[in-house]
Amino acid sequence: KIGKTSSHGCVRLTNWDATELAHMVKP
């Protein structure tokens, strides 16, 4: 459903995309 529905204000990715991004960012 990513890109096809709405969220409660947050930014929602697939679990694998969020995991990939999490390992490339820092505070």
mmCIF file of all heavy atoms, coordinates in Angstrom:
data_MODEL
# 
_entry.id   MODEL 
# 
loop_
_atom_site.group_PDB 
_atom_site.id 
_atom_site.type_symbol 
_atom_site.label_atom_id 
_atom_site.label_alt_id 
_atom_site.label_comp_id 
_atom_site.label_asym_id 
_atom_site.label_entity_id 
_atom_site.label_seq_id 
_atom_site.pdbx_PDB_ins_code 
_atom_site.Cartn_x 
_atom_site.Cartn_y 
_atom_site.Cartn_z 
_atom_site.occupancy 
_atom_site.B_iso_or_equiv 
_atom_site.pdbx_formal_charge 
_atom_site.auth_seq_id 
_atom_site.auth_comp_id 
_atom_site.auth_asym_id 
_atom_site.auth_atom_id 
_atom_site.pdbx_PDB_model_num 
ATOM 1   N N   . LYS A 1 1  ? 0.806  -1.219 0.000  1.00 0.00 ? 1  LYS A N   1 
ATOM 2   C CA  . LYS A 1 1  ? 0.000  0.000  0.000  1.00 0.00 ? 1  LYS A CA  1 
ATOM 3   C C   . LYS A 1 1  ? 0.843  1.274  0.000  1.00 0.00 ? 1  LYS A C   1 
ATOM 4   O O   . LYS A 1 1  ? 0.285  2.378  -0.027 1.00 0.00 ? 1  LYS A O   1 
ATOM 5   C CB  . LYS A 1 1  ? -0.923 0.005  1.213  1.00 0.00 ? 1  LYS A CB  1 
ATOM 6   C CG  . LYS A 1 1  ? -1.955 -1.118 1.197  1.00 0.00 ? 1  LYS A CG  1 
ATOM 7   C CD  . LYS A 1 1  ? -2.837 -1.085 2.423  1.00 0.00 ? 1  LYS A CD  1 
ATOM 8   C CE  . LYS A 1 1  ? -3.849 -2.221 2.400  1.00 0.00 ? 1  LYS A CE  1 
ATOM 9   N NZ  . LYS A 1 1  ? -4.694 -2.231 3.618  1.00 0.00 ? 1  LYS A NZ  1 
ATOM 10  N N   . ILE A 1 2  ? 2.156  1.140  0.040  1.00 0.00 ? 2  ILE A N   1 
ATOM 11  C CA  . ILE A 1 2  ? 3.014  2.322  0.072  1.00 0.00 ? 2  ILE A CA  1 
ATOM 12  C C   . ILE A 1 2  ? 2.787  3.173  -1.181 1.00 0.00 ? 2  ILE A C   1 
ATOM 13  O O   . ILE A 1 2  ? 2.799  2.677  -2.296 1.00 0.00 ? 2  ILE A O   1 
ATOM 14  C CB  . ILE A 1 2  ? 4.498  1.921  0.186  1.00 0.00 ? 2  ILE A CB  1 
ATOM 15  C CG1 . ILE A 1 2  ? 4.779  1.347  1.573  1.00 0.00 ? 2  ILE A CG1 1 
ATOM 16  C CG2 . ILE A 1 2  ? 5.420  3.107  -0.080 1.00 0.00 ? 2  ILE A CG2 1 
ATOM 17  C CD1 . ILE A 1 2  ? 4.565  2.316  2.713  1.00 0.00 ? 2  ILE A CD1 1 
ATOM 18  N N   . GLY A 1 3  ? 2.605  4.471  -0.955 1.00 0.00 ? 3  GLY A N   1 
ATOM 19  C CA  . GLY A 1 3  ? 2.371  5.391  -2.060 1.00 0.00 ? 3  GLY A CA  1 
ATOM 20  C C   . GLY A 1 3  ? 0.937  5.407  -2.546 1.00 0.00 ? 3  GLY A C   1 
ATOM 21  O O   . GLY A 1 3  ? 0.602  6.166  -3.447 1.00 0.00 ? 3  GLY A O   1 
ATOM 22  N N   . LYS A 1 4  ? 0.063  4.595  -1.917 1.00 0.00 ? 4  LYS A N   1 
ATOM 23  C CA  . LYS A 1 4  ? -1.311 4.492  -2.387 1.00 0.00 ? 4  LYS A CA  1 
ATOM 24  C C   . LYS A 1 4  ? -2.328 4.862  -1.323 1.00 0.00 ? 4  LYS A C   1 
ATOM 25  O O   . LYS A 1 4  ? -3.513 4.961  -1.603 1.00 0.00 ? 4  LYS A O   1 
ATOM 26  C CB  . LYS A 1 4  ? -1.593 3.070  -2.872 1.00 0.00 ? 4  LYS A CB  1 
ATOM 27  C CG  . LYS A 1 4  ? -0.618 2.564  -3.934 1.00 0.00 ? 4  LYS A CG  1 
ATOM 28  C CD  . LYS A 1 4  ? -0.897 1.123  -4.297 1.00 0.00 ? 4  LYS A CD  1 
ATOM 29  C CE  . LYS A 1 4  ? 0.093  0.597  -5.326 1.00 0.00 ? 4  LYS A CE  1 
ATOM 30  N NZ  . LYS A 1 4  ? 1.449  0.468  -4.813 1.00 0.00 ? 4  LYS A NZ  1 
ATOM 31  N N   . THR A 1 5  ? -1.899 5.025  -0.078 1.00 0.00 ? 5  THR A N   1 
ATOM 32  C CA  . THR A 1 5  ? -2.815 5.346  1.004  1.00 0.00 ? 5  THR A CA  1 
ATOM 33  C C   . THR A 1 5  ? -2.289 6.551  1.760  1.00 0.00 ? 5  THR A C   1 
ATOM 34  O O   . THR A 1 5  ? -1.249 7.116  1.436  1.00 0.00 ? 5  THR A O   1 
ATOM 35  C CB  . THR A 1 5  ? -2.951 4.160  1.980  1.00 0.00 ? 5  THR A CB  1 
ATOM 36  O OG1 . THR A 1 5  ? -1.652 3.857  2.510  1.00 0.00 ? 5  THR A OG1 1 
ATOM 37  C CG2 . THR A 1 5  ? -3.487 2.930  1.282  1.00 0.00 ? 5  THR A CG2 1 
ATOM 38  N N   . SER A 1 6  ? -3.004 6.954  2.796  1.00 0.00 ? 6  SER A N   1 
ATOM 39  C CA  . SER A 1 6  ? -2.554 8.065  3.618  1.00 0.00 ? 6  SER A CA  1 
ATOM 40  C C   . SER A 1 6  ? -2.045 7.537  4.958  1.00 0.00 ? 6  SER A C   1 
ATOM 41  O O   . SER A 1 6  ? -2.313 6.405  5.335  1.00 0.00 ? 6  SER A O   1 
ATOM 42  C CB  . SER A 1 6  ? -3.705 9.051  3.864  1.00 0.00 ? 6  SER A CB  1 
ATOM 43  O OG  . SER A 1 6  ? -4.791 8.393  4.488  1.00 0.00 ? 6  SER A OG  1 
ATOM 44  N N   . SER A 1 7  ? -1.292 8.373  5.672  1.00 0.00 ? 7  SER A N   1 
ATOM 45  C CA  . SER A 1 7  ? -0.769 7.997  6.977  1.00 0.00 ? 7  SER A CA  1 
ATOM 46  C C   . SER A 1 7  ? -1.254 9.011  8.006  1.00 0.00 ? 7  SER A C   1 
ATOM 47  O O   . SER A 1 7  ? -1.976 9.945  7.684  1.00 0.00 ? 7  SER A O   1 
ATOM 48  C CB  . SER A 1 7  ? 0.770  7.980  6.957  1.00 0.00 ? 7  SER A CB  1 
ATOM 49  O OG  . SER A 1 7  ? 1.278  9.297  6.874  1.00 0.00 ? 7  SER A OG  1 
ATOM 50  N N   . HIS A 1 8  ? -0.863 8.816  9.239  1.00 0.00 ? 8  HIS A N   1 
ATOM 51  C CA  . HIS A 1 8  ? -1.233 9.750  10.300 1.00 0.00 ? 8  HIS A CA  1 
ATOM 52  C C   . HIS A 1 8  ? -0.190 10.852 10.449 1.00 0.00 ? 8  HIS A C   1 
ATOM 53  O O   . HIS A 1 8  ? 0.119  11.285 11.550 1.00 0.00 ? 8  HIS A O   1 
ATOM 54  C CB  . HIS A 1 8  ? -1.430 9.007  11.626 1.00 0.00 ? 8  HIS A CB  1 
ATOM 55  C CG  . HIS A 1 8  ? -2.612 8.093  11.622 1.00 0.00 ? 8  HIS A CG  1 
ATOM 56  N ND1 . HIS A 1 8  ? -3.911 8.546  11.574 1.00 0.00 ? 8  HIS A ND1 1 
ATOM 57  C CD2 . HIS A 1 8  ? -2.697 6.740  11.620 1.00 0.00 ? 8  HIS A CD2 1 
ATOM 58  C CE1 . HIS A 1 8  ? -4.749 7.519  11.578 1.00 0.00 ? 8  HIS A CE1 1 
ATOM 59  N NE2 . HIS A 1 8  ? -4.032 6.408  11.603 1.00 0.00 ? 8  HIS A NE2 1 
ATOM 60  N N   . GLY A 1 9  ? 0.351  11.313 9.334  1.00 0.00 ? 9  GLY A N   1 
ATOM 61  C CA  . GLY A 1 9  ? 1.280  12.431 9.360  1.00 0.00 ? 9  GLY A CA  1 
ATOM 62  C C   . GLY A 1 9  ? 2.729  12.047 9.225  1.00 0.00 ? 9  GLY A C   1 
ATOM 63  O O   . GLY A 1 9  ? 3.561  12.876 8.879  1.00 0.00 ? 9  GLY A O   1 
ATOM 64  N N   . CYS A 1 10 ? 3.058  10.793 9.505  1.00 0.00 ? 10 CYS A N   1 
ATOM 65  C CA  . CYS A 1 10 ? 4.446  10.343 9.400  1.00 0.00 ? 10 CYS A CA  1 
ATOM 66  C C   . CYS A 1 10 ? 4.783  9.966  7.959  1.00 0.00 ? 10 CYS A C   1 
ATOM 67  O O   . CYS A 1 10 ? 3.958  10.040 7.068  1.00 0.00 ? 10 CYS A O   1 
ATOM 68  C CB  . CYS A 1 10 ? 4.687  9.158  10.326 1.00 0.00 ? 10 CYS A CB  1 
ATOM 69  S SG  . CYS A 1 10 ? 4.656  9.582  12.088 1.00 0.00 ? 10 CYS A SG  1 
ATOM 70  N N   . VAL A 1 11 ? 6.041  9.548  7.767  1.00 0.00 ? 11 VAL A N   1 
ATOM 71  C CA  . VAL A 1 11 ? 6.517  9.108  6.459  1.00 0.00 ? 11 VAL A CA  1 
ATOM 72  C C   . VAL A 1 11 ? 6.677  7.598  6.514  1.00 0.00 ? 11 VAL A C   1 
ATOM 73  O O   . VAL A 1 11 ? 7.492  7.080  7.273  1.00 0.00 ? 11 VAL A O   1 
ATOM 74  C CB  . VAL A 1 11 ? 7.859  9.777  6.099  1.00 0.00 ? 11 VAL A CB  1 
ATOM 75  C CG1 . VAL A 1 11 ? 8.345  9.287  4.741  1.00 0.00 ? 11 VAL A CG1 1 
ATOM 76  C CG2 . VAL A 1 11 ? 7.722  11.293 6.101  1.00 0.00 ? 11 VAL A CG2 1 
ATOM 77  N N   . ARG A 1 12 ? 5.920  6.902  5.710  1.00 0.00 ? 12 ARG A N   1 
ATOM 78  C CA  . ARG A 1 12 ? 5.869  5.450  5.771  1.00 0.00 ? 12 ARG A CA  1 
ATOM 79  C C   . ARG A 1 12 ? 6.562  4.852  4.553  1.00 0.00 ? 12 ARG A C   1 
ATOM 80  O O   . ARG A 1 12 ? 6.266  5.223  3.417  1.00 0.00 ? 12 ARG A O   1 
ATOM 81  C CB  . ARG A 1 12 ? 4.408  5.006  5.833  1.00 0.00 ? 12 ARG A CB  1 
ATOM 82  C CG  . ARG A 1 12 ? 4.178  3.543  6.092  1.00 0.00 ? 12 ARG A CG  1 
ATOM 83  C CD  . ARG A 1 12 ? 2.688  3.255  6.174  1.00 0.00 ? 12 ARG A CD  1 
ATOM 84  N NE  . ARG A 1 12 ? 2.061  3.999  7.259  1.00 0.00 ? 12 ARG A NE  1 
ATOM 85  C CZ  . ARG A 1 12 ? 0.741  4.090  7.431  1.00 0.00 ? 12 ARG A CZ  1 
ATOM 86  N NH1 . ARG A 1 12 ? -0.075 3.528  6.567  1.00 0.00 ? 12 ARG A NH1 1 
ATOM 87  N NH2 . ARG A 1 12 ? 0.255  4.758  8.459  1.00 0.00 ? 12 ARG A NH2 1 
ATOM 88  N N   . LEU A 1 13 ? 7.486  3.910  4.791  1.00 0.00 ? 13 LEU A N   1 
ATOM 89  C CA  . LEU A 1 13 ? 8.194  3.186  3.731  1.00 0.00 ? 13 LEU A CA  1 
ATOM 90  C C   . LEU A 1 13 ? 7.955  1.688  3.916  1.00 0.00 ? 13 LEU A C   1 
ATOM 91  O O   . LEU A 1 13 ? 7.470  1.263  4.964  1.00 0.00 ? 13 LEU A O   1 
ATOM 92  C CB  . LEU A 1 13 ? 9.699  3.463  3.786  1.00 0.00 ? 13 LEU A CB  1 
ATOM 93  C CG  . LEU A 1 13 ? 10.179 4.916  3.869  1.00 0.00 ? 13 LEU A CG  1 
ATOM 94  C CD1 . LEU A 1 13 ? 11.702 4.945  4.003  1.00 0.00 ? 13 LEU A CD1 1 
ATOM 95  C CD2 . LEU A 1 13 ? 9.733  5.717  2.662  1.00 0.00 ? 13 LEU A CD2 1 
ATOM 96  N N   . THR A 1 14 ? 8.332  0.889  2.923  1.00 0.00 ? 14 THR A N   1 
ATOM 97  C CA  . THR A 1 14 ? 8.344  -0.555 3.167  1.00 0.00 ? 14 THR A CA  1 
ATOM 98  C C   . THR A 1 14 ? 9.364  -0.843 4.264  1.00 0.00 ? 14 THR A C   1 
ATOM 99  O O   . THR A 1 14 ? 10.297 -0.066 4.485  1.00 0.00 ? 14 THR A O   1 
ATOM 100 C CB  . THR A 1 14 ? 8.725  -1.347 1.902  1.00 0.00 ? 14 THR A CB  1 
ATOM 101 O OG1 . THR A 1 14 ? 10.096 -1.064 1.573  1.00 0.00 ? 14 THR A OG1 1 
ATOM 102 C CG2 . THR A 1 14 ? 7.832  -0.991 0.722  1.00 0.00 ? 14 THR A CG2 1 
ATOM 103 N N   . ASN A 1 15 ? 9.197  -1.961 4.950  1.00 0.00 ? 15 ASN A N   1 
ATOM 104 C CA  . ASN A 1 15 ? 10.132 -2.303 6.016  1.00 0.00 ? 15 ASN A CA  1 
ATOM 105 C C   . ASN A 1 15 ? 11.567 -2.387 5.509  1.00 0.00 ? 15 ASN A C   1 
ATOM 106 O O   . ASN A 1 15 ? 12.509 -1.941 6.171  1.00 0.00 ? 15 ASN A O   1 
ATOM 107 C CB  . ASN A 1 15 ? 9.734  -3.630 6.665  1.00 0.00 ? 15 ASN A CB  1 
ATOM 108 C CG  . ASN A 1 15 ? 8.633  -3.470 7.691  1.00 0.00 ? 15 ASN A CG  1 
ATOM 109 O OD1 . ASN A 1 15 ? 8.480  -2.413 8.295  1.00 0.00 ? 15 ASN A OD1 1 
ATOM 110 N ND2 . ASN A 1 15 ? 7.848  -4.514 7.886  1.00 0.00 ? 15 ASN A ND2 1 
ATOM 111 N N   . TRP A 1 16 ? 11.753 -2.973 4.311  1.00 0.00 ? 16 TRP A N   1 
ATOM 112 C CA  . TRP A 1 16 ? 13.124 -3.129 3.820  1.00 0.00 ? 16 TRP A CA  1 
ATOM 113 C C   . TRP A 1 16 ? 13.723 -1.783 3.384  1.00 0.00 ? 16 TRP A C   1 
ATOM 114 O O   . TRP A 1 16 ? 14.911 -1.559 3.581  1.00 0.00 ? 16 TRP A O   1 
ATOM 115 C CB  . TRP A 1 16 ? 13.190 -4.168 2.713  1.00 0.00 ? 16 TRP A CB  1 
ATOM 116 C CG  . TRP A 1 16 ? 12.299 -3.929 1.525  1.00 0.00 ? 16 TRP A CG  1 
ATOM 117 C CD1 . TRP A 1 16 ? 12.576 -3.185 0.421  1.00 0.00 ? 16 TRP A CD1 1 
ATOM 118 C CD2 . TRP A 1 16 ? 10.985 -4.461 1.325  1.00 0.00 ? 16 TRP A CD2 1 
ATOM 119 N NE1 . TRP A 1 16 ? 11.531 -3.213 -0.463 1.00 0.00 ? 16 TRP A NE1 1 
ATOM 120 C CE2 . TRP A 1 16 ? 10.530 -3.997 0.064  1.00 0.00 ? 16 TRP A CE2 1 
ATOM 121 C CE3 . TRP A 1 16 ? 10.159 -5.302 2.074  1.00 0.00 ? 16 TRP A CE3 1 
ATOM 122 C CZ2 . TRP A 1 16 ? 9.283  -4.329 -0.454 1.00 0.00 ? 16 TRP A CZ2 1 
ATOM 123 C CZ3 . TRP A 1 16 ? 8.908  -5.633 1.557  1.00 0.00 ? 16 TRP A CZ3 1 
ATOM 124 C CH2 . TRP A 1 16 ? 8.487  -5.153 0.316  1.00 0.00 ? 16 TRP A CH2 1 
ATOM 125 N N   . ASP A 1 17 ? 12.914 -0.901 2.833  1.00 0.00 ? 17 ASP A N   1 
ATOM 126 C CA  . ASP A 1 17 ? 13.425 0.422  2.471  1.00 0.00 ? 17 ASP A CA  1 
ATOM 127 C C   . ASP A 1 17 ? 13.755 1.241  3.715  1.00 0.00 ? 17 ASP A C   1 
ATOM 128 O O   . ASP A 1 17 ? 14.772 1.940  3.764  1.00 0.00 ? 17 ASP A O   1 
ATOM 129 C CB  . ASP A 1 17 ? 12.401 1.170  1.612  1.00 0.00 ? 17 ASP A CB  1 
ATOM 130 C CG  . ASP A 1 17 ? 12.318 0.639  0.188  1.00 0.00 ? 17 ASP A CG  1 
ATOM 131 O OD1 . ASP A 1 17 ? 13.253 -0.082 -0.219 1.00 0.00 ? 17 ASP A OD1 1 
ATOM 132 O OD2 . ASP A 1 17 ? 11.334 0.941  -0.507 1.00 0.00 ? 17 ASP A OD2 1 
ATOM 133 N N   . ALA A 1 18 ? 12.884 1.158  4.725  1.00 0.00 ? 18 ALA A N   1 
ATOM 134 C CA  . ALA A 1 18 ? 13.145 1.887  5.969  1.00 0.00 ? 18 ALA A CA  1 
ATOM 135 C C   . ALA A 1 18 ? 14.416 1.372  6.637  1.00 0.00 ? 18 ALA A C   1 
ATOM 136 O O   . ALA A 1 18 ? 15.213 2.149  7.193  1.00 0.00 ? 18 ALA A O   1 
ATOM 137 C CB  . ALA A 1 18 ? 11.950 1.744  6.915  1.00 0.00 ? 18 ALA A CB  1 
ATOM 138 N N   . THR A 1 19 ? 14.632 0.055  6.587  1.00 0.00 ? 19 THR A N   1 
ATOM 139 C CA  . THR A 1 19 ? 15.845 -0.532 7.163  1.00 0.00 ? 19 THR A CA  1 
ATOM 140 C C   . THR A 1 19 ? 17.087 -0.061 6.418  1.00 0.00 ? 19 THR A C   1 
ATOM 141 O O   . THR A 1 19 ? 18.103 0.296  7.033  1.00 0.00 ? 19 THR A O   1 
ATOM 142 C CB  . THR A 1 19 ? 15.762 -2.070 7.126  1.00 0.00 ? 19 THR A CB  1 
ATOM 143 O OG1 . THR A 1 19 ? 14.638 -2.502 7.900  1.00 0.00 ? 19 THR A OG1 1 
ATOM 144 C CG2 . THR A 1 19 ? 17.023 -2.703 7.680  1.00 0.00 ? 19 THR A CG2 1 
ATOM 145 N N   . GLU A 1 20 ? 17.000 -0.060 5.079  1.00 0.00 ? 20 GLU A N   1 
ATOM 146 C CA  . GLU A 1 20 ? 18.135 0.404  4.285  1.00 0.00 ? 20 GLU A CA  1 
ATOM 147 C C   . GLU A 1 20 ? 18.470 1.860  4.599  1.00 0.00 ? 20 GLU A C   1 
ATOM 148 O O   . GLU A 1 20 ? 19.629 2.208  4.822  1.00 0.00 ? 20 GLU A O   1 
ATOM 149 C CB  . GLU A 1 20 ? 17.812 0.242  2.800  1.00 0.00 ? 20 GLU A CB  1 
ATOM 150 C CG  . GLU A 1 20 ? 18.945 0.677  1.874  1.00 0.00 ? 20 GLU A CG  1 
ATOM 151 C CD  . GLU A 1 20 ? 18.618 0.412  0.412  1.00 0.00 ? 20 GLU A CD  1 
ATOM 152 O OE1 . GLU A 1 20 ? 18.787 -0.743 -0.032 1.00 0.00 ? 20 GLU A OE1 1 
ATOM 153 O OE2 . GLU A 1 20 ? 18.191 1.364  -0.282 1.00 0.00 ? 20 GLU A OE2 1 
ATOM 154 N N   . LEU A 1 21 ? 17.440 2.698  4.632  1.00 0.00 ? 21 LEU A N   1 
ATOM 155 C CA  . LEU A 1 21 ? 17.663 4.121  4.922  1.00 0.00 ? 21 LEU A CA  1 
ATOM 156 C C   . LEU A 1 21 ? 18.211 4.307  6.334  1.00 0.00 ? 21 LEU A C   1 
ATOM 157 O O   . LEU A 1 21 ? 19.109 5.141  6.554  1.00 0.00 ? 21 LEU A O   1 
ATOM 158 C CB  . LEU A 1 21 ? 16.361 4.896  4.757  1.00 0.00 ? 21 LEU A CB  1 
ATOM 159 C CG  . LEU A 1 21 ? 16.431 6.403  5.022  1.00 0.00 ? 21 LEU A CG  1 
ATOM 160 C CD1 . LEU A 1 21 ? 17.383 7.089  4.055  1.00 0.00 ? 21 LEU A CD1 1 
ATOM 161 C CD2 . LEU A 1 21 ? 15.033 7.031  4.936  1.00 0.00 ? 21 LEU A CD2 1 
ATOM 162 N N   . ALA A 1 22 ? 17.700 3.533  7.292  1.00 0.00 ? 22 ALA A N   1 
ATOM 163 C CA  . ALA A 1 22 ? 18.144 3.673  8.689  1.00 0.00 ? 22 ALA A CA  1 
ATOM 164 C C   . ALA A 1 22 ? 19.632 3.426  8.844  1.00 0.00 ? 22 ALA A C   1 
ATOM 165 O O   . ALA A 1 22 ? 20.285 4.025  9.714  1.00 0.00 ? 22 ALA A O   1 
ATOM 166 C CB  . ALA A 1 22 ? 17.367 2.711  9.581  1.00 0.00 ? 22 ALA A CB  1 
ATOM 167 N N   . HIS A 1 23 ? 20.204 2.577  8.004  1.00 0.00 ? 23 HIS A N   1 
ATOM 168 C CA  . HIS A 1 23 ? 21.630 2.274  8.087  1.00 0.00 ? 23 HIS A CA  1 
ATOM 169 C C   . HIS A 1 23 ? 22.487 3.296  7.332  1.00 0.00 ? 23 HIS A C   1 
ATOM 170 O O   . HIS A 1 23 ? 23.712 3.195  7.346  1.00 0.00 ? 23 HIS A O   1 
ATOM 171 C CB  . HIS A 1 23 ? 21.907 0.866  7.567  1.00 0.00 ? 23 HIS A CB  1 
ATOM 172 C CG  . HIS A 1 23 ? 21.478 -0.215 8.524  1.00 0.00 ? 23 HIS A CG  1 
ATOM 173 N ND1 . HIS A 1 23 ? 20.231 -0.786 8.484  1.00 0.00 ? 23 HIS A ND1 1 
ATOM 174 C CD2 . HIS A 1 23 ? 22.125 -0.803 9.557  1.00 0.00 ? 23 HIS A CD2 1 
ATOM 175 C CE1 . HIS A 1 23 ? 20.126 -1.694 9.448  1.00 0.00 ? 23 HIS A CE1 1 
ATOM 176 N NE2 . HIS A 1 23 ? 21.262 -1.719 10.112 1.00 0.00 ? 23 HIS A NE2 1 
ATOM 177 N N   . MET A 1 24 ? 21.851 4.256  6.673  1.00 0.00 ? 24 MET A N   1 
ATOM 178 C CA  . MET A 1 24 ? 22.601 5.280  5.956  1.00 0.00 ? 24 MET A CA  1 
ATOM 179 C C   . MET A 1 24 ? 22.452 6.672  6.570  1.00 0.00 ? 24 MET A C   1 
ATOM 180 O O   . MET A 1 24 ? 23.070 7.627  6.105  1.00 0.00 ? 24 MET A O   1 
ATOM 181 C CB  . MET A 1 24 ? 22.165 5.335  4.482  1.00 0.00 ? 24 MET A CB  1 
ATOM 182 C CG  . MET A 1 24 ? 22.512 4.086  3.685  1.00 0.00 ? 24 MET A CG  1 
ATOM 183 S SD  . MET A 1 24 ? 22.383 4.331  1.884  1.00 0.00 ? 24 MET A SD  1 
ATOM 184 C CE  . MET A 1 24 ? 20.629 4.548  1.681  1.00 0.00 ? 24 MET A CE  1 
ATOM 185 N N   . VAL A 1 25 ? 21.620 6.791  7.620  1.00 0.00 ? 25 VAL A N   1 
ATOM 186 C CA  . VAL A 1 25 ? 21.435 8.089  8.266  1.00 0.00 ? 25 VAL A CA  1 
ATOM 187 C C   . VAL A 1 25 ? 21.952 8.046  9.698  1.00 0.00 ? 25 VAL A C   1 
ATOM 188 O O   . VAL A 1 25 ? 22.201 6.985  10.259 1.00 0.00 ? 25 VAL A O   1 
ATOM 189 C CB  . VAL A 1 25 ? 19.946 8.513  8.277  1.00 0.00 ? 25 VAL A CB  1 
ATOM 190 C CG1 . VAL A 1 25 ? 19.398 8.618  6.862  1.00 0.00 ? 25 VAL A CG1 1 
ATOM 191 C CG2 . VAL A 1 25 ? 19.111 7.558  9.111  1.00 0.00 ? 25 VAL A CG2 1 
ATOM 192 N N   . LYS A 1 26 ? 22.095 9.229  10.269 1.00 0.00 ? 26 LYS A N   1 
ATOM 193 C CA  . LYS A 1 26 ? 22.486 9.357  11.666 1.00 0.00 ? 26 LYS A CA  1 
ATOM 194 C C   . LYS A 1 26 ? 21.819 10.600 12.234 1.00 0.00 ? 26 LYS A C   1 
ATOM 195 O O   . LYS A 1 26 ? 21.316 11.451 11.473 1.00 0.00 ? 26 LYS A O   1 
ATOM 196 C CB  . LYS A 1 26 ? 24.015 9.447  11.783 1.00 0.00 ? 26 LYS A CB  1 
ATOM 197 C CG  . LYS A 1 26 ? 24.630 10.622 11.020 1.00 0.00 ? 26 LYS A CG  1 
ATOM 198 C CD  . LYS A 1 26 ? 26.144 10.586 11.074 1.00 0.00 ? 26 LYS A CD  1 
ATOM 199 C CE  . LYS A 1 26 ? 26.752 11.733 10.260 1.00 0.00 ? 26 LYS A CE  1 
ATOM 200 N NZ  . LYS A 1 26 ? 28.228 11.690 10.278 1.00 0.00 ? 26 LYS A NZ  1 
ATOM 201 N N   . PRO A 1 27 ? 21.774 10.748 13.541 1.00 0.00 ? 27 PRO A N   1 
ATOM 202 C CA  . PRO A 1 27 ? 21.167 11.946 14.123 1.00 0.00 ? 27 PRO A CA  1 
ATOM 203 C C   . PRO A 1 27 ? 21.788 13.220 13.560 1.00 0.00 ? 27 PRO A C   1 
ATOM 204 O O   . PRO A 1 27 ? 23.001 13.299 13.368 1.00 0.00 ? 27 PRO A O   1 
ATOM 205 C CB  . PRO A 1 27 ? 21.459 11.786 15.621 1.00 0.00 ? 27 PRO A CB  1 
ATOM 206 C CG  . PRO A 1 27 ? 21.518 10.301 15.828 1.00 0.00 ? 27 PRO A CG  1 
ATOM 207 C CD  . PRO A 1 27 ? 22.173 9.762  14.583 1.00 0.00 ? 27 PRO A CD  1 
# 
